[in-house]
C-alpha cells in the first residue's frame, strides 16, 4: 500500500470507527428504537471461527496490506469443505 493509500485507509478506518461510535451512542440513548439482532457465539456453530477472525483482523487493521488476499485464500479453502447451502 502506498503512503497515500495508507492515509486513505487510515481516514476511512477512522470514519468507520466514528460512525460506529455515534450509532452505539444513539442506540444507548434510544433503546426503544433499537431492533435486537440475535447473536450466537462463533464457537457454537454457524460461521467458522476463522471468518470472525478475518472480519475483525481486517476491520481493525491499521495496515491491511496483504490481509485481504491471505484471508480470501483461507475462505476459498473453507468453502471447499463446507456443504453447499442450495
Protein backbone atom coordinates (compact mmCIF):
# COMPACT_ATOMS: atom_id res chain seq x y z
CA UNK A 1 0.00 0.00 0.00
CA UNK A 2 1.35 3.42 -0.90
CA UNK A 3 1.73 6.22 1.60
CA UNK A 4 -1.28 7.93 0.00
CA UNK A 5 -3.22 4.65 0.24
CA UNK A 6 -2.26 4.33 3.90
CA UNK A 7 -3.60 7.83 4.56
CA UNK A 8 -6.76 6.95 2.70
CA UNK A 9 -7.15 3.72 4.70
CA UNK A 10 -6.47 5.48 8.00
CA UNK A 11 -9.06 8.15 7.20
CA UNK A 12 -11.61 5.54 6.06
CA UNK A 13 -10.96 3.43 9.17
CA UNK A 14 -11.41 6.47 11.41
CA UNK A 15 -14.70 7.37 9.69
CA UNK A 16 -15.95 3.81 10.24
CA UNK A 17 -14.99 3.94 13.92
CA UNK A 18 -16.60 7.37 14.35
CA UNK A 19 -19.83 6.26 12.67
CA UNK A 20 -19.97 3.10 14.77
CA UNK A 21 -19.40 5.14 17.91
CA UNK A 22 -22.23 7.54 17.01
CA UNK A 23 -24.56 4.62 16.26
CA UNK A 24 -23.81 2.90 19.57
CA UNK A 25 -24.32 6.16 21.45
CA UNK A 26 -27.64 6.74 19.65
CA UNK A 27 -28.76 3.18 20.44
CA UNK A 28 -27.92 3.58 24.11
CA UNK A 29 -29.89 6.84 24.21
CA UNK A 30 -32.87 5.36 22.31
CA UNK A 31 -33.18 1.71 23.46
CA UNK A 32 -36.87 1.60 22.48
CA UNK A 33 -35.91 2.19 18.82
CA UNK A 34 -33.20 -0.47 18.63
CA UNK A 35 -34.00 -3.81 16.98
CA UNK A 36 -32.47 -6.79 18.73
CA UNK A 37 -30.38 -8.91 16.41
CA UNK A 38 -29.99 -12.50 17.60
CA UNK A 39 -26.40 -13.50 18.14
CA UNK A 40 -24.66 -16.80 18.52
CA UNK A 41 -21.10 -17.20 19.78
CA UNK A 42 -18.75 -18.23 16.96
CA UNK A 43 -17.76 -21.45 18.70
CA UNK A 44 -21.39 -22.66 18.79
CA UNK A 45 -21.71 -23.12 15.04
CA UNK A 46 -22.62 -21.03 12.04
CA UNK A 47 -19.60 -19.35 10.54
CA UNK A 48 -16.20 -20.92 11.13
CA UNK A 49 -14.11 -19.15 13.79
CA UNK A 50 -11.70 -18.13 11.03
CA UNK A 51 -14.42 -15.94 9.47
CA UNK A 52 -14.81 -13.94 12.69
CA UNK A 53 -11.04 -13.66 12.94
CA UNK A 54 -10.83 -12.45 9.34
CA UNK A 55 -13.56 -9.86 9.85
CA UNK A 56 -12.06 -8.31 12.97
CA UNK A 57 -8.48 -8.53 11.75
CA UNK A 58 -9.41 -6.72 8.53
CA UNK A 59 -11.76 -4.20 10.15
CA UNK A 60 -9.31 -3.20 12.86
CA UNK A 61 -6.08 -3.41 10.87
CA UNK A 62 -4.01 -0.26 10.80
CA UNK A 63 -2.21 -1.50 7.69
CA UNK A 64 -4.35 -4.09 5.85
CA UNK A 65 -1.80 -4.77 3.11
CA UNK A 66 -1.88 -8.47 2.24
CA UNK A 67 -4.65 -9.33 4.72
CA UNK A 68 -7.46 -9.46 2.20
CA UNK A 69 -5.54 -11.71 -0.20
CA UNK A 70 -4.47 -14.01 2.64
CA UNK A 71 -7.99 -14.33 4.04
CA UNK A 72 -9.58 -14.67 0.60
CA UNK A 73 -7.33 -17.69 0.12
CA UNK A 74 -8.32 -19.10 3.52
CA UNK A 75 -12.02 -18.58 2.85
CA UNK A 76 -11.70 -20.31 -0.51
CA UNK A 77 -10.22 -23.34 1.24
CA UNK A 78 -13.03 -23.31 3.83
CA UNK A 79 -15.62 -23.12 1.06
CA UNK A 80 -14.29 -26.39 -0.38
CA UNK A 81 -15.08 -28.29 2.84
CA UNK A 82 -18.41 -26.66 3.77
CA UNK A 83 -21.60 -28.17 2.38
CA UNK A 84 -23.45 -26.12 -0.20
CA UNK A 85 -26.50 -24.18 1.02
CA UNK A 86 -28.53 -24.97 -2.13
